[in-house]
Amino acid sequence: MTLLWPTVRCSFMWSRQLNSSIPSFYIDDVQITYVPPPVIEADLPSLHEALKDFFPIGAAITPLEITGVHADLLKKHFNSITSGNDMKWDATEPSKGTSDSPTRMLS
């Protein structure tokens, strides 16, 4: 699955009705445009290869970033990845004293 981000443009009008403290918000003239996925610059040196004598290069990722052009960039520039938000306390311990197995991320 490749995730494509469209460009969204619109005009809006902000108005306040006389007898209301809540403003009205109108959106009009919405235009959605297809934006092709970016192309990887193949001639750039790999970050993890360029810095291998100093330290490893890692990234925290989400499941959306392991496919398509994002996955290609990860493979080229990073030699270590970790699951981003899935390893935070609220994901691994939903309530105090209870554990939620981190292996659920792998399924």
C-alpha atoms as a PDB file:
ATOM      1  CA  MET A   1       0.000   0.000   0.000  1.00  0.00           C
ATOM      2  CA  THR A   2       1.401   3.379  -0.995  1.00  0.00           C
ATOM      3  CA  LEU A   3       0.076   6.401   0.825  1.00  0.00           C
ATOM      4  CA  LEU A   4      -0.340   9.466  -1.394  1.00  0.00           C
ATOM      5  CA  TRP A   5      -0.817  12.899   0.137  1.00  0.00           C
ATOM      6  CA  PRO A   6      -2.963  15.220  -1.997  1.00  0.00           C
ATOM      7  CA  THR A   7      -2.693  18.981  -2.003  1.00  0.00           C
ATOM      8  CA  VAL A   8      -5.882  20.571  -0.689  1.00  0.00           C
ATOM      9  CA  ARG A   9      -6.658  24.226  -1.337  1.00  0.00           C
ATOM     10  CA  CYS A  10      -9.795  26.071  -0.338  1.00  0.00           C
ATOM     11  CA  SER A  11     -11.153  29.497   0.429  1.00  0.00           C
ATOM     12  CA  PHE A  12     -13.113  30.245   3.557  1.00  0.00           C
ATOM     13  CA  MET A  13     -15.250  32.928   5.096  1.00  0.00           C
ATOM     14  CA  TRP A  14     -15.395  33.683   8.805  1.00  0.00           C
ATOM     15  CA  SER A  15     -18.523  35.415  10.030  1.00  0.00           C
ATOM     16  CA  ARG A  16     -20.301  36.012  13.306  1.00  0.00           C
ATOM     17  CA  GLN A  17     -24.062  36.102  13.515  1.00  0.00           C
ATOM     18  CA  LEU A  18     -25.491  39.043  15.416  1.00  0.00           C
ATOM     19  CA  ASN A  19     -27.273  37.046  18.142  1.00  0.00           C
ATOM     20  CA  SER A  20     -24.643  34.373  18.647  1.00  0.00           C
ATOM     21  CA  SER A  21     -21.258  34.270  20.349  1.00  0.00           C
ATOM     22  CA  ILE A  22     -20.300  31.248  18.220  1.00  0.00           C
ATOM     23  CA  PRO A  23     -18.796  32.200  14.862  1.00  0.00           C
ATOM     24  CA  SER A  24     -19.807  30.460  11.645  1.00  0.00           C
ATOM     25  CA  PHE A  25     -17.155  28.928   9.438  1.00  0.00           C
ATOM     26  CA  TYR A  26     -17.851  28.235   5.760  1.00  0.00           C
ATOM     27  CA  ILE A  27     -15.536  26.390   3.370  1.00  0.00           C
ATOM     28  CA  ASP A  28     -16.018  26.908  -0.341  1.00  0.00           C
ATOM     29  CA  ASP A  29     -14.144  26.244  -3.606  1.00  0.00           C
ATOM     30  CA  VAL A  30     -12.277  23.118  -2.485  1.00  0.00           C
ATOM     31  CA  GLN A  31      -9.669  21.796  -4.911  1.00  0.00           C
ATOM     32  CA  ILE A  32      -7.862  18.473  -4.446  1.00  0.00           C
ATOM     33  CA  THR A  33      -4.776  17.828  -6.570  1.00  0.00           C
ATOM     34  CA  TYR A  34      -2.833  14.593  -6.995  1.00  0.00           C
ATOM     35  CA  VAL A  35       0.796  14.874  -5.913  1.00  0.00           C
ATOM     36  CA  PRO A  36       3.021  12.069  -7.235  1.00  0.00           C
ATOM     37  CA  PRO A  37       5.255  10.323  -4.700  1.00  0.00           C
ATOM     38  CA  PRO A  38       8.786  11.702  -4.383  1.00  0.00           C
ATOM     39  CA  VAL A  39      11.671  10.055  -6.184  1.00  0.00           C
ATOM     40  CA  ILE A  40      14.724   8.959  -4.212  1.00  0.00           C
ATOM     41  CA  GLU A  41      17.961  10.647  -5.232  1.00  0.00           C
ATOM     42  CA  ALA A  42      20.097   7.582  -5.953  1.00  0.00           C
ATOM     43  CA  ASP A  43      23.393   9.484  -6.161  1.00  0.00           C
ATOM     44  CA  LEU A  44      23.299  10.629  -2.505  1.00  0.00           C
ATOM     45  CA  PRO A  45      25.587   8.688  -0.159  1.00  0.00           C
ATOM     46  CA  SER A  46      23.951   6.490   2.468  1.00  0.00           C
ATOM     47  CA  LEU A  47      23.902   8.128   5.912  1.00  0.00           C
ATOM     48  CA  HIS A  48      24.641   4.942   7.808  1.00  0.00           C
ATOM     49  CA  GLU A  49      27.537   4.075   5.478  1.00  0.00           C
ATOM     50  CA  ALA A  50      29.021   7.582   5.664  1.00  0.00           C
ATOM     51  CA  LEU A  51      28.898   7.614   9.484  1.00  0.00           C
ATOM     52  CA  LYS A  52      29.543   3.924  10.243  1.00  0.00           C
ATOM     53  CA  ASP A  53      32.883   4.688  11.961  1.00  0.00           C
ATOM     54  CA  PHE A  54      31.191   7.033  14.424  1.00  0.00           C
ATOM     55  CA  PHE A  55      27.745   5.721  15.407  1.00  0.00           C
ATOM     56  CA  PRO A  56      24.692   3.824  14.105  1.00  0.00           C
ATOM     57  CA  ILE A  57      21.908   5.769  12.396  1.00  0.00           C
ATOM     58  CA  GLY A  58      18.375   4.886  13.463  1.00  0.00           C
ATOM     59  CA  ALA A  59      14.802   5.989  12.980  1.00  0.00           C
ATOM     60  CA  ALA A  60      11.551   5.660  14.890  1.00  0.00           C
ATOM     61  CA  ILE A  61       8.873   4.634  12.405  1.00  0.00           C
ATOM     62  CA  THR A  62       5.169   3.924  12.062  1.00  0.00           C
ATOM     63  CA  PRO A  63       3.584   1.091  10.053  1.00  0.00           C
ATOM     64  CA  LEU A  64       2.829   3.520   7.191  1.00  0.00           C
ATOM     65  CA  GLU A  65       6.558   4.090   6.673  1.00  0.00           C
ATOM     66  CA  ILE A  66       7.533   0.496   5.879  1.00  0.00           C
ATOM     67  CA  THR A  67       6.169   0.475   2.334  1.00  0.00           C
ATOM     68  CA  GLY A  68       6.840   2.398  -0.849  1.00  0.00           C
ATOM     69  CA  VAL A  69       9.315   5.244  -1.122  1.00  0.00           C
ATOM     70  CA  HIS A  70       9.521   5.597   2.683  1.00  0.00           C
ATOM     71  CA  ALA A  71      10.735   2.016   3.013  1.00  0.00           C
ATOM     72  CA  ASP A  72      13.303   2.584   0.267  1.00  0.00           C
ATOM     73  CA  LEU A  73      14.663   5.624   2.106  1.00  0.00           C
ATOM     74  CA  LEU A  74      14.797   3.701   5.392  1.00  0.00           C
ATOM     75  CA  LYS A  75      16.742   0.850   3.788  1.00  0.00           C
ATOM     76  CA  LYS A  76      19.178   3.243   2.132  1.00  0.00           C
ATOM     77  CA  HIS A  77      19.973   5.583   5.041  1.00  0.00           C
ATOM     78  CA  PHE A  78      19.327   3.768   8.318  1.00  0.00           C
ATOM     79  CA  ASN A  79      20.801   0.614   9.840  1.00  0.00           C
ATOM     80  CA  SER A  80      18.488   0.541  12.867  1.00  0.00           C
ATOM     81  CA  ILE A  81      14.748   1.092  13.285  1.00  0.00           C
ATOM     82  CA  THR A  82      12.404   1.056  16.230  1.00  0.00           C
ATOM     83  CA  SER A  83       8.655   1.189  16.437  1.00  0.00           C
ATOM     84  CA  GLY A  84       7.779   4.818  17.187  1.00  0.00           C
ATOM     85  CA  ASN A  85       4.719   5.303  19.359  1.00  0.00           C
ATOM     86  CA  ASP A  86       4.130   1.585  19.985  1.00  0.00           C
ATOM     87  CA  MET A  87       6.901   1.493  22.590  1.00  0.00           C
ATOM     88  CA  LYS A  88       5.635   4.421  24.678  1.00  0.00           C
ATOM     89  CA  TRP A  89       4.113   3.818  28.110  1.00  0.00           C
ATOM     90  CA  ASP A  90       0.515   4.365  27.051  1.00  0.00           C
ATOM     91  CA  ALA A  91       0.862   1.676  24.372  1.00  0.00           C
ATOM     92  CA  THR A  92       2.644  -0.943  26.498  1.00  0.00           C
ATOM     93  CA  GLU A  93       0.931  -0.298  29.856  1.00  0.00           C
ATOM     94  CA  PRO A  94      -2.629   0.900  29.172  1.00  0.00           C
ATOM     95  CA  SER A  95      -3.376   1.116  32.910  1.00  0.00           C
ATOM     96  CA  LYS A  96      -1.052   1.094  35.914  1.00  0.00           C
ATOM     97  CA  GLY A  97       0.220  -2.387  36.680  1.00  0.00           C
ATOM     98  CA  THR A  98      -1.141  -4.050  33.532  1.00  0.00           C
ATOM     99  CA  SER A  99       1.067  -4.919  30.592  1.00  0.00           C
ATOM    100  CA  ASP A 100       0.155  -5.109  26.931  1.00  0.00           C
ATOM    101  CA  SER A 101       2.564  -7.370  25.045  1.00  0.00           C
ATOM    102  CA  PRO A 102       4.767  -5.470  22.560  1.00  0.00           C
ATOM    103  CA  THR A 103       4.668  -8.526  20.275  1.00  0.00           C
ATOM    104  CA  ARG A 104       1.230  -7.412  19.074  1.00  0.00           C
ATOM    105  CA  MET A 105       3.046  -4.869  16.874  1.00  0.00           C
ATOM    106  CA  LEU A 106       4.571  -7.663  14.828  1.00  0.00           C
ATOM    107  CA  SER A 107       1.270  -9.171  13.757  1.00  0.00           C
END
